[in-house]
Amino acid sequence: MIVVGMISGTSMDGLDVGVAELDGASTGALTLRPLGARTWPWPEVLRERLLALLPPAPTTIEEVAQLDELVGRECARAAAAVIEQYDGADLVVSHGQTVFHWVTDGRAQGTLQLGQPAPIVEATGLPVVSDIRARDIAAGGQGAPLAGTLDTLWLRGLPGDGPRAALNLGGIANVTVLDGDRSVAFDTGPANCLIDAAVARITDGRESRDTDGRLARSGTVRTDLLEALLDEPYYALPAPKSTGRELFTTSYADRFLAQLPLVSDADLVATLTELTATTVANSLAAYGISDLVTSGGGVHNPALMDALRRHLPGVDVRRTDDLGLPADDKEAYLMALVGYLTWHQVPGVLPGMTGSHEPRVLGRINLGDRPVRLPDPGPVPTRLTIV
């Protein structure tokens, strides 16, 4: 089955689109063959409007409604272009753009992703799986990170013994830890979102990220600021847990800076980079992992990767590229996998992974132009092989 997976992460850089051939739903031994991927940048005006929507900014229902439709139309253009490039597909999976993840007292209560699926159906004629996270939250789960599904099944098939983990460094950092038959997935805290926000402000918007970690490497970690940032209550919550940019906003660091002697621009970026590495390492400390497979935009920041290795002595830190899965495209292929499972009526999360009381089939299926008959439900998947 050829599946197109699409997602825009918390960094809001653009739409990650991946095309994959998936098989094995009838046996539980899944295979995923990446056929190709690309990033479809948001039009600049659309990206600015999406960023302006994020808490604590005020907005209107008119703006939300317009952006819901505009994101859907842009997803439709991306899907149609990729399907033409790869000569067809059977299914599209559209996650959309998360603009709010509602968490109260450590429990997810709801989540909102913008991007109407109807324009995608209209542009491609294909069935579209959308609204990926809501069912897991309704079943008591965090609705995030869903990366644990791909990570757990994939890590099971890799050589080696002992606890191991996968880390995605997007706007928010999330990890999956596999220890024997048990797995847990959770958000550790900020990955790039605070760094990116600081760089954008320092450069008056000319830069959106700390390219090659240059600013961080030119600065010094301010321990007074780092200690204040590490007092965030989220870090002390038990897993599974989830968070987002409604907590780690673009102005998150400002209230800490206001209470301290002047912090230089370079020192601020160095400290925020250290914050990401420290919180990831602290989250993994209890599991005794020996291997860590990394993905997401943060893998391109050598200052961040060096800090991670420094905080994780004795852990083999690799990129997913080394194991056949492009680090920049993993989230898009994750969406393809989740949609494939949904089509075969297989739960998209594994037992205990997100805290749901019962794993559920995720998302809703928007029918395409042709009549369809869903396959018989498949078994719980046991492993995933990237071929």
Protein backbone atom coordinates (compact mmCIF):
# COMPACT_ATOMS: atom_id res chain seq x y z
CA MET A 1 0.00 0.00 0.00
CA ILE A 2 1.42 3.41 -0.97
CA VAL A 3 0.72 6.00 1.72
CA VAL A 4 1.46 9.73 1.83
CA GLY A 5 2.11 11.04 5.35
CA MET A 6 2.06 14.78 6.13
CA ILE A 7 2.75 16.74 9.31
CA SER A 8 3.87 20.20 10.36
CA GLY A 9 5.67 20.10 13.68
CA THR A 10 5.91 22.56 16.54
CA SER A 11 8.71 24.45 14.79
CA MET A 12 6.21 25.41 12.06
CA ASP A 13 8.93 25.43 9.41
CA GLY A 14 6.68 23.81 6.83
CA LEU A 15 4.88 20.64 5.91
CA ASP A 16 6.95 17.44 6.02
CA VAL A 17 5.66 15.05 3.36
CA GLY A 18 6.76 11.44 3.02
CA VAL A 19 5.72 8.69 0.62
CA ALA A 20 6.13 5.11 1.79
CA GLU A 21 5.19 1.61 0.74
CA LEU A 22 3.81 -0.30 3.73
CA ASP A 23 3.00 -3.97 4.12
CA GLY A 24 2.47 -6.63 6.78
CA ALA A 25 -0.73 -5.51 8.51
CA SER A 26 -2.21 -9.00 8.18
CA THR A 27 0.70 -10.60 10.09
CA GLY A 28 1.83 -7.84 12.47
CA ALA A 29 5.36 -7.92 11.05
CA LEU A 30 5.31 -4.56 9.32
CA THR A 31 7.65 -3.27 6.64
CA LEU A 32 8.10 0.34 5.59
CA ARG A 33 9.98 1.27 2.45
CA PRO A 34 10.65 5.02 2.20
CA LEU A 35 10.03 6.12 -1.38
CA GLY A 36 10.85 9.80 -0.93
CA ALA A 37 10.17 12.87 1.12
CA ARG A 38 10.30 16.64 0.93
CA THR A 39 9.52 19.71 2.97
CA TRP A 40 6.76 21.90 1.58
CA PRO A 41 7.40 25.36 3.06
CA TRP A 42 4.41 27.28 4.31
CA PRO A 43 3.86 30.50 2.35
CA GLU A 44 5.46 33.21 4.48
CA VAL A 45 2.19 35.03 5.16
CA LEU A 46 0.53 31.78 6.27
CA ARG A 47 3.45 30.90 8.54
CA GLU A 48 3.35 34.35 10.13
CA ARG A 49 -0.38 34.00 10.79
CA LEU A 50 0.10 30.55 12.31
CA LEU A 51 2.88 31.76 14.59
CA ALA A 52 0.74 34.73 15.61
CA LEU A 53 -2.02 32.33 16.65
CA LEU A 54 0.08 30.63 19.33
CA PRO A 55 -0.59 31.27 23.02
CA PRO A 56 -0.51 33.63 24.81
CA ALA A 57 -1.52 35.71 21.78
CA PRO A 58 -5.23 36.60 21.51
CA THR A 59 -7.12 35.55 18.40
CA THR A 60 -10.62 35.36 16.91
CA ILE A 61 -12.76 32.46 15.77
CA GLU A 62 -12.67 34.05 12.30
CA GLU A 63 -8.88 33.73 12.21
CA VAL A 64 -8.99 30.12 13.41
CA ALA A 65 -11.62 29.22 10.79
CA GLN A 66 -9.69 30.87 7.98
CA LEU A 67 -6.40 29.24 8.94
CA ASP A 68 -8.08 25.84 9.25
CA GLU A 69 -9.15 26.11 5.62
CA LEU A 70 -5.95 27.71 4.33
CA VAL A 71 -3.75 25.04 5.92
CA GLY A 72 -6.00 22.38 4.38
CA ARG A 73 -5.64 23.95 0.94
CA GLU A 74 -1.86 24.08 1.25
CA CYS A 75 -1.83 20.44 2.38
CA ALA A 76 -3.91 19.62 -0.69
CA ARG A 77 -1.38 21.29 -2.98
CA ALA A 78 1.48 19.42 -1.34
CA ALA A 79 -0.27 16.06 -1.48
CA ALA A 80 -1.25 16.47 -5.13
CA ALA A 81 2.28 17.48 -6.13
CA VAL A 82 3.91 14.58 -4.32
CA ILE A 83 1.40 12.03 -5.64
CA GLU A 84 2.09 13.22 -9.18
CA GLN A 85 5.83 13.05 -8.56
CA TYR A 86 5.68 9.48 -7.27
CA ASP A 87 3.09 8.28 -9.76
CA GLY A 88 0.13 7.68 -7.49
CA ALA A 89 -0.83 6.61 -3.97
CA ASP A 90 -3.59 4.74 -2.15
CA LEU A 91 -4.06 6.83 0.99
CA VAL A 92 -3.17 10.25 2.40
CA VAL A 93 -2.62 10.87 6.12
CA SER A 94 -2.78 14.51 7.17
CA HIS A 95 -1.89 15.52 10.70
CA GLY A 96 -2.18 19.26 10.09
CA GLN A 97 -0.67 21.97 12.27
CA THR A 98 -0.97 21.78 16.04
CA VAL A 99 -1.87 25.16 17.50
CA PHE A 100 -2.95 24.08 21.00
CA HIS A 101 -2.47 21.04 23.22
CA TRP A 102 -4.73 21.31 26.27
CA VAL A 103 -3.13 19.81 29.37
CA THR A 104 -4.48 20.20 32.91
CA ASP A 105 -2.77 18.78 36.00
CA GLY A 106 -0.55 16.61 33.84
CA ARG A 107 -3.37 15.09 31.80
CA ALA A 108 -4.22 15.91 28.20
CA GLN A 109 -7.80 17.12 27.87
CA GLY A 110 -7.86 17.96 24.17
CA THR A 111 -5.80 19.04 21.21
CA LEU A 112 -6.32 21.20 18.13
CA GLN A 113 -4.71 20.68 14.73
CA LEU A 114 -5.65 22.98 11.86
CA GLY A 115 -5.99 21.75 8.28
CA GLN A 116 -9.32 20.72 6.83
CA PRO A 117 -9.08 17.32 5.08
CA ALA A 118 -11.78 18.07 2.47
CA PRO A 119 -9.48 20.09 0.16
CA ILE A 120 -7.03 17.17 0.17
CA VAL A 121 -9.78 14.72 -0.82
CA GLU A 122 -10.94 17.12 -3.52
CA ALA A 123 -7.43 17.59 -4.92
CA THR A 124 -6.40 13.92 -4.89
CA GLY A 125 -9.63 11.90 -4.97
CA LEU A 126 -8.08 9.66 -2.31
CA PRO A 127 -9.31 8.78 1.19
CA VAL A 128 -7.65 10.92 3.86
CA VAL A 129 -7.00 9.99 7.49
CA SER A 130 -7.12 13.09 9.71
CA ASP A 131 -7.69 14.16 13.34
CA ILE A 132 -5.00 11.73 14.42
CA ARG A 133 -4.66 12.44 18.14
CA ALA A 134 -8.17 12.99 19.52
CA ARG A 135 -9.19 9.35 20.05
CA ASP A 136 -6.14 8.57 22.18
CA ILE A 137 -6.94 11.55 24.41
CA ALA A 138 -10.58 10.44 24.67
CA ALA A 139 -9.28 7.06 25.88
CA GLY A 140 -7.24 8.72 28.63
CA GLY A 141 -3.96 9.02 26.75
CA GLN A 142 -1.75 12.05 26.20
CA GLY A 143 -2.34 12.04 22.44
CA ALA A 144 1.41 12.57 22.12
CA PRO A 145 4.04 11.66 21.28
CA LEU A 146 2.73 9.20 18.72
CA ALA A 147 6.32 8.65 17.56
CA GLY A 148 6.43 5.88 20.17
CA THR A 149 4.52 3.61 17.79
CA LEU A 150 7.16 3.72 15.07
CA ASP A 151 10.03 3.90 17.55
CA THR A 152 9.00 0.89 19.62
CA LEU A 153 8.26 -1.39 16.68
CA TRP A 154 11.45 -0.35 14.91
CA LEU A 155 13.75 -0.55 17.95
CA ARG A 156 12.52 -4.10 18.63
CA GLY A 157 13.98 -5.24 15.34
CA LEU A 158 17.40 -3.64 15.73
CA PRO A 159 20.36 -5.68 16.98
CA GLY A 160 21.52 -5.29 20.57
CA ASP A 161 20.25 -5.89 24.09
CA GLY A 162 19.25 -3.74 27.02
CA PRO A 163 17.19 -0.57 27.28
CA ARG A 164 17.37 1.76 24.28
CA ALA A 165 15.66 4.94 23.26
CA ALA A 166 14.69 7.12 20.30
CA LEU A 167 14.73 10.92 20.53
CA ASN A 168 13.09 13.42 18.21
CA LEU A 169 14.36 16.99 18.42
CA GLY A 170 11.66 19.14 16.87
CA GLY A 171 10.21 22.24 18.49
CA ILE A 172 9.47 19.99 21.46
CA ALA A 173 11.70 17.01 22.33
CA ASN A 174 10.09 13.60 22.72
CA VAL A 175 11.57 10.22 23.59
CA THR A 176 10.53 6.60 23.36
CA VAL A 177 12.20 4.16 25.74
CA LEU A 178 12.09 0.43 25.05
CA ASP A 179 13.07 -2.01 27.80
CA GLY A 180 12.26 -5.59 26.88
CA ASP A 181 8.56 -5.74 26.01
CA ARG A 182 7.76 -2.48 27.78
CA SER A 183 7.81 0.92 26.15
CA VAL A 184 6.90 4.43 27.18
CA ALA A 185 6.81 7.63 25.12
CA PHE A 186 6.72 11.18 26.42
CA ASP A 187 7.72 14.79 25.78
CA THR A 188 10.82 15.81 27.72
CA GLY A 189 10.36 19.57 27.19
CA PRO A 190 11.68 22.10 24.69
CA ALA A 191 14.06 21.03 21.95
CA ASN A 192 14.40 23.84 19.39
CA CYS A 193 11.41 26.07 20.13
CA LEU A 194 13.06 28.29 22.75
CA ILE A 195 16.35 28.41 20.86
CA ASP A 196 14.58 29.34 17.63
CA ALA A 197 12.52 32.04 19.35
CA ALA A 198 15.64 33.58 20.87
CA VAL A 199 17.53 33.55 17.57
CA ALA A 200 14.60 35.10 15.70
CA ARG A 201 14.43 37.93 18.20
CA ILE A 202 18.20 38.46 18.32
CA THR A 203 18.40 38.71 14.52
CA ASP A 204 15.16 40.69 14.08
CA GLY A 205 13.69 37.76 12.19
CA ARG A 206 16.54 37.36 9.70
CA GLU A 207 17.37 33.93 11.12
CA SER A 208 14.96 31.32 12.44
CA ARG A 209 17.46 28.87 13.98
CA ASP A 210 20.98 28.72 15.41
CA THR A 211 22.67 27.53 12.23
CA ASP A 212 25.54 25.13 13.01
CA GLY A 213 25.19 26.07 16.67
CA ARG A 214 27.29 29.18 16.07
CA LEU A 215 25.59 31.44 18.62
CA ALA A 216 25.58 28.75 21.31
CA ARG A 217 29.24 28.00 20.75
CA SER A 218 30.16 31.66 20.99
CA GLY A 219 28.46 31.99 24.37
CA THR A 220 28.78 30.61 27.88
CA VAL A 221 26.08 28.79 29.83
CA ARG A 222 24.67 31.05 32.53
CA THR A 223 24.16 28.73 35.48
CA ASP A 224 21.87 31.18 37.27
CA LEU A 225 19.51 31.25 34.28
CA LEU A 226 19.77 27.51 33.72
CA GLU A 227 18.89 26.73 37.33
CA ALA A 228 15.85 29.00 37.16
CA LEU A 229 14.67 27.37 33.91
CA LEU A 230 15.12 23.88 35.35
CA ASP A 231 12.65 24.70 38.15
CA GLU A 232 9.80 24.30 35.61
CA PRO A 233 7.29 21.89 37.27
CA TYR A 234 6.71 20.00 34.01
CA TYR A 235 10.09 18.29 34.29
CA ALA A 236 9.13 16.65 37.58
CA LEU A 237 5.92 15.08 36.23
CA PRO A 238 6.00 11.30 35.75
CA ALA A 239 5.82 9.75 32.30
CA PRO A 240 3.82 9.45 30.14
CA LYS A 241 3.32 13.19 29.75
CA SER A 242 3.00 15.74 26.97
CA THR A 243 3.47 19.45 26.46
CA GLY A 244 3.74 22.05 23.71
CA ARG A 245 4.19 25.68 22.80
CA GLU A 246 1.24 26.69 24.93
CA LEU A 247 3.70 26.22 27.85
CA PHE A 248 7.04 26.89 26.19
CA THR A 249 5.94 30.06 24.40
CA THR A 250 8.13 32.40 22.38
CA SER A 251 8.31 34.70 25.43
CA TYR A 252 8.81 31.87 27.96
CA ALA A 253 12.36 32.86 28.91
CA ASP A 254 11.57 36.55 29.36
CA ARG A 255 10.24 36.28 32.89
CA PHE A 256 13.45 34.54 34.00
CA LEU A 257 15.68 37.07 32.24
CA ALA A 258 13.88 39.94 33.95
CA GLN A 259 15.00 38.65 37.37
CA LEU A 260 18.70 38.24 36.54
CA PRO A 261 21.69 40.44 35.69
CA LEU A 262 21.99 41.15 31.97
CA VAL A 263 22.37 37.98 29.86
CA SER A 264 24.12 38.42 26.51
CA ASP A 265 22.54 37.10 23.33
CA ALA A 266 25.17 34.38 22.88
CA ASP A 267 24.93 33.33 26.54
CA LEU A 268 21.14 33.09 26.24
CA VAL A 269 21.33 30.74 23.26
CA ALA A 270 24.09 28.69 24.91
CA THR A 271 21.94 28.34 28.04
CA LEU A 272 18.79 27.37 26.14
CA THR A 273 20.79 24.76 24.22
CA GLU A 274 22.11 23.40 27.52
CA LEU A 275 18.54 23.35 28.86
CA THR A 276 17.43 21.04 26.06
CA ALA A 277 20.36 18.67 26.53
CA THR A 278 19.99 18.64 30.31
CA THR A 279 16.25 17.95 30.35
CA VAL A 280 16.56 15.18 27.76
CA ALA A 281 19.38 13.53 29.71
CA ASN A 282 17.57 13.90 33.04
CA SER A 283 14.46 12.30 31.55
CA LEU A 284 16.45 9.29 30.38
CA ALA A 285 18.61 8.88 33.49
CA ALA A 286 16.32 6.40 35.25
CA TYR A 287 16.22 3.98 32.30
CA GLY A 288 19.90 3.09 31.98
CA ILE A 289 19.90 3.19 28.19
CA SER A 290 22.95 2.22 26.14
CA ASP A 291 21.73 3.37 22.70
CA LEU A 292 19.98 6.56 21.58
CA VAL A 293 18.73 7.06 18.02
CA THR A 294 18.06 10.71 17.16
CA SER A 295 15.99 12.52 14.54
CA GLY A 296 14.42 15.92 13.86
CA GLY A 297 15.84 19.32 13.04
CA GLY A 298 17.95 19.45 16.20
CA VAL A 299 20.34 16.80 14.87
CA HIS A 300 21.76 19.50 12.56
CA ASN A 301 22.83 21.61 15.54
CA PRO A 302 26.32 20.38 16.52
CA ALA A 303 26.31 22.42 19.73
CA LEU A 304 23.15 20.63 20.86
CA MET A 305 24.37 17.19 19.81
CA ASP A 306 27.72 17.72 21.57
CA ALA A 307 25.87 18.76 24.73
CA LEU A 308 23.70 15.66 24.56
CA ARG A 309 26.72 13.37 24.25
CA ARG A 310 28.39 15.16 27.16
CA HIS A 311 25.31 14.59 29.33
CA LEU A 312 24.94 10.96 28.23
CA PRO A 313 28.38 9.40 28.76
CA GLY A 314 28.57 5.78 27.70
CA VAL A 315 25.49 6.06 25.47
CA ASP A 316 25.90 5.45 21.74
CA VAL A 317 24.16 8.49 20.21
CA ARG A 318 23.37 8.00 16.51
CA ARG A 319 21.10 9.50 13.89
CA THR A 320 18.28 7.52 12.32
CA ASP A 321 20.01 8.07 8.96
CA ASP A 322 22.62 5.55 10.10
CA LEU A 323 19.85 2.93 10.27
CA GLY A 324 18.03 3.67 7.02
CA LEU A 325 15.47 6.29 8.08
CA PRO A 326 16.20 9.94 7.18
CA ALA A 327 16.29 12.02 10.35
CA ASP A 328 14.48 14.96 8.74
CA ASP A 329 11.64 12.79 7.41
CA LYS A 330 10.83 10.46 10.29
CA GLU A 331 7.71 12.30 11.45
CA ALA A 332 6.22 12.21 7.93
CA TYR A 333 6.84 8.46 7.71
CA LEU A 334 5.34 8.11 11.19
CA MET A 335 2.11 9.64 9.89
CA ALA A 336 2.14 7.23 6.95
CA LEU A 337 2.52 4.33 9.39
CA VAL A 338 -0.26 5.53 11.69
CA GLY A 339 -2.64 6.00 8.76
CA TYR A 340 -1.78 2.57 7.41
CA LEU A 341 -2.66 1.05 10.79
CA THR A 342 -5.91 3.01 10.89
CA TRP A 343 -6.87 1.75 7.43
CA HIS A 344 -6.36 -1.82 8.69
CA GLN A 345 -8.31 -1.07 11.91
CA VAL A 346 -5.24 -1.55 14.08
CA PRO A 347 -4.64 0.70 17.13
CA GLY A 348 -2.08 3.40 16.44
CA VAL A 349 -0.57 3.28 19.92
CA LEU A 350 0.81 0.31 21.80
CA PRO A 351 -0.47 -0.68 25.27
CA GLY A 352 0.71 1.73 27.97
CA MET A 353 2.62 3.93 25.57
CA THR A 354 0.71 7.20 26.02
CA GLY A 355 -1.24 6.31 29.18
CA SER A 356 -4.54 5.46 27.47
CA HIS A 357 -6.59 2.82 29.25
CA GLU A 358 -7.06 0.92 25.99
CA PRO A 359 -5.22 1.36 22.68
CA ARG A 360 -7.55 2.75 20.02
CA VAL A 361 -7.64 3.00 16.26
CA LEU A 362 -6.64 6.61 15.59
CA GLY A 363 -8.11 9.31 13.41
CA ARG A 364 -11.09 9.55 11.12
CA ILE A 365 -11.29 8.40 7.52
CA ASN A 366 -12.57 10.91 4.97
CA LEU A 367 -13.76 8.93 1.96
CA GLY A 368 -12.38 9.64 -1.49
CA ASP A 369 -14.01 9.53 -4.90
CA ARG A 370 -14.15 5.75 -5.16
CA PRO A 371 -16.13 3.27 -3.03
CA VAL A 372 -13.94 1.53 -0.47
CA ARG A 373 -14.08 -1.59 1.66
CA LEU A 374 -11.76 -1.63 4.65
CA PRO A 375 -9.60 -4.74 5.17
CA ASP A 376 -10.37 -7.07 8.05
CA PRO A 377 -8.76 -5.85 11.30
CA GLY A 378 -5.14 -6.88 11.58
CA PRO A 379 -3.33 -8.17 14.67
CA VAL A 380 -1.37 -6.02 17.10
CA PRO A 381 1.89 -5.25 15.30
CA THR A 382 5.03 -6.83 16.70
CA ARG A 383 7.85 -5.14 14.81
CA LEU A 384 8.67 -2.75 11.98
CA THR A 385 11.46 -3.20 9.47
CA ILE A 386 12.72 -0.30 7.37
CA VAL A 387 13.62 -1.75 3.98
